[in-house]
Protein backbone atom coordinates (compact mmCIF):
# COMPACT_ATOMS: atom_id res chain seq x y z
CA MET A 1 28.09 24.67 -49.20
CA GLU A 2 29.99 21.54 -48.19
CA SER A 3 30.87 20.64 -44.60
CA PRO A 4 34.23 22.02 -43.45
CA HIS A 5 35.45 18.60 -42.29
CA LEU A 6 34.91 17.17 -45.78
CA ILE A 7 36.75 20.04 -47.45
CA PHE A 8 39.54 19.57 -44.91
CA LEU A 9 39.79 15.82 -45.72
CA LYS A 10 39.75 16.54 -49.45
CA ASN A 11 42.64 18.99 -49.02
CA VAL A 12 44.60 16.51 -46.90
CA ALA A 13 43.96 13.78 -49.49
CA GLN A 14 45.49 16.14 -52.06
CA GLY A 15 48.61 16.66 -49.94
CA ALA A 16 47.81 19.58 -47.62
CA PRO A 17 49.60 19.26 -44.28
CA ALA A 18 47.54 18.51 -41.17
CA ASN A 19 48.08 17.10 -37.71
CA SER A 20 46.68 13.80 -36.45
CA PRO A 21 44.07 15.20 -34.03
CA GLU A 22 42.50 17.32 -36.80
CA ILE A 23 42.46 14.35 -39.17
CA ARG A 24 40.95 12.06 -36.52
CA ASP A 25 38.22 14.60 -35.75
CA ALA A 26 37.31 14.95 -39.43
CA LEU A 27 37.36 11.16 -39.93
CA HIS A 28 35.17 10.69 -36.86
CA ARG A 29 32.58 13.02 -38.40
CA LEU A 30 32.89 11.23 -41.74
CA ASP A 31 32.40 7.90 -39.95
CA HIS A 32 29.03 9.07 -38.63
CA MET A 33 27.94 10.31 -42.04
CA LEU A 34 28.97 7.06 -43.72
CA SER A 35 27.14 5.01 -41.09
CA ASP A 36 23.94 6.89 -41.90
CA LEU A 37 24.40 6.47 -45.67
CA ALA A 38 25.40 2.81 -45.40
CA SER A 39 22.48 2.07 -43.07
CA ASP A 40 20.07 3.56 -45.54
CA LEU A 41 21.52 1.82 -48.61
CA GLN A 42 22.72 -1.49 -47.10
CA ILE A 43 24.97 -2.12 -50.09
CA PRO A 44 28.28 -3.82 -49.29
CA PHE A 45 31.36 -2.36 -50.94
CA VAL A 46 34.98 -3.50 -50.81
CA GLY A 47 37.08 -0.45 -51.50
CA PRO A 48 40.74 0.41 -51.84
CA CYS A 49 43.64 -1.17 -50.00
CA VAL A 50 44.84 0.74 -46.96
CA GLY A 51 47.54 -1.57 -45.65
CA LEU A 52 50.93 -0.41 -44.50
CA ARG A 53 54.04 -0.43 -46.71
CA HIS A 54 55.11 -3.99 -45.91
CA ALA A 55 51.63 -5.42 -46.69
CA PRO A 56 49.52 -2.89 -48.63
CA GLU A 57 46.79 -5.38 -49.54
CA GLN A 58 46.39 -6.71 -46.01
CA HIS A 59 43.68 -4.17 -45.11
CA LEU A 60 40.79 -2.72 -47.10
CA LEU A 61 38.44 0.20 -46.63
CA SER A 62 35.01 -1.37 -46.91
CA VAL A 63 31.33 -0.81 -46.25
CA ALA A 64 29.25 -3.61 -44.75
CA GLU A 65 27.27 -4.53 -41.70
CA HIS A 66 30.32 -4.86 -39.48
CA ARG A 67 30.26 -6.90 -36.30
CA TRP A 68 32.30 -5.08 -33.65
CA SER A 69 31.35 -7.39 -30.77
CA GLN A 70 28.84 -10.10 -29.99
CA ALA A 71 26.14 -7.47 -29.35
CA ASP A 72 27.33 -4.60 -31.56
CA SER A 73 26.74 -4.76 -35.29
CA TYR A 74 25.94 -1.90 -37.64
CA TRP A 75 26.35 -0.70 -41.23
CA GLY A 76 29.23 1.63 -41.92
CA ALA A 77 32.75 2.00 -43.24
CA ALA A 78 35.67 0.24 -41.56
CA ILE A 79 39.23 -0.81 -42.09
CA CYS A 80 39.05 -4.57 -42.52
CA SER A 81 41.40 -7.48 -42.85
CA HIS A 82 40.43 -10.09 -45.40
CA HIS A 83 40.57 -13.82 -44.80
CA PRO A 84 40.08 -16.18 -47.78
CA VAL A 85 37.62 -18.37 -45.87
CA TYR A 86 35.99 -16.02 -43.35
CA GLY A 87 35.83 -12.89 -45.48
CA LEU A 88 36.12 -9.37 -44.13
CA ARG A 89 36.71 -8.63 -40.46
CA ALA A 90 36.35 -5.07 -39.23
CA GLU A 91 39.35 -3.99 -37.21
CA TRP A 92 39.15 -0.19 -36.96
CA THR A 93 36.82 2.67 -37.68
CA LEU A 94 38.24 5.36 -39.95
CA ALA A 95 39.22 7.57 -37.01
CA THR A 96 40.80 4.89 -34.81
CA VAL A 97 43.56 3.65 -37.11
CA SER A 98 47.20 4.08 -36.15
CA ARG A 99 48.99 7.37 -36.76
CA GLU A 100 51.01 5.63 -39.49
CA ARG A 101 47.84 4.51 -41.31
CA LEU A 102 45.95 7.85 -41.07
CA PRO A 103 47.45 9.39 -44.24
CA ILE A 104 46.92 6.14 -46.15
CA VAL A 105 43.23 6.13 -45.25
CA VAL A 106 42.80 9.79 -46.20
CA ARG A 107 44.58 9.32 -49.55
CA ALA A 108 42.22 6.40 -50.27
CA LEU A 109 39.07 8.52 -49.85
CA PRO A 110 38.81 9.75 -53.50
CA SER A 111 38.97 6.17 -54.79
CA PHE A 112 36.65 4.96 -52.04
CA PHE A 113 33.94 7.53 -52.80
CA SER A 114 34.23 7.03 -56.54
CA GLY A 115 33.75 3.27 -56.22
CA TYR A 116 31.07 3.39 -53.53
CA ALA A 117 29.03 5.99 -55.44
CA ALA A 118 29.26 3.90 -58.62
CA ILE A 119 28.09 0.69 -56.95
CA ALA A 120 25.31 2.54 -55.09
CA ALA A 121 24.06 4.07 -58.35
CA GLN A 122 23.95 0.59 -59.94
CA SER A 123 22.36 -1.16 -56.96
CA ALA A 124 19.81 1.38 -55.72
CA ASP A 125 17.42 3.91 -57.19
CA PRO A 126 19.71 6.73 -58.40
CA SER A 127 17.19 9.33 -57.22
CA ARG A 128 17.52 8.26 -53.55
CA PRO A 129 19.03 11.01 -51.40
CA SER A 130 21.77 8.68 -50.11
CA VAL A 131 22.90 7.87 -53.66
CA SER A 132 22.85 11.56 -54.57
CA ARG A 133 24.93 12.36 -51.50
CA LEU A 134 27.52 9.73 -52.40
CA LYS A 135 27.73 11.13 -55.93
CA SER A 136 28.33 14.62 -54.54
CA LEU A 137 31.05 13.26 -52.21
CA ALA A 138 32.71 11.46 -55.12
CA GLU A 139 32.68 14.68 -57.13
CA LEU A 140 34.07 16.68 -54.22
CA PHE A 141 36.99 14.30 -53.67
CA ALA A 142 37.66 13.96 -57.41
CA HIS A 143 38.47 17.66 -57.86
């Protein structure tokens, strides 16, 4: 049986109505899960665009070892801006984006999981539990 917060996010990604506090709570839980998976795999992934209407490609949902401050760096998913010279810069965790960006991030989750699971299966041993978990998340969000 899948976690209720994941089923909730899947339903919201498919258009079910929800309020911001519920979405933030579910994304916060997803953030922790993705940090564990990303830490184990340590495979960078640049996922779908999650920018606002006026600049949709300005921000991306990506997995990397993100540097949040001089002393705080860890693997996980983040909303990043992309600079042609300096690369990705983490700006927000999934749960801390603006209210306007919340639905954009949630709608990007099916594409994110599909792409991340595919790259993990190519880059790591497919029998690893983290790869299997990503595959199951991709399947959940695909249906």
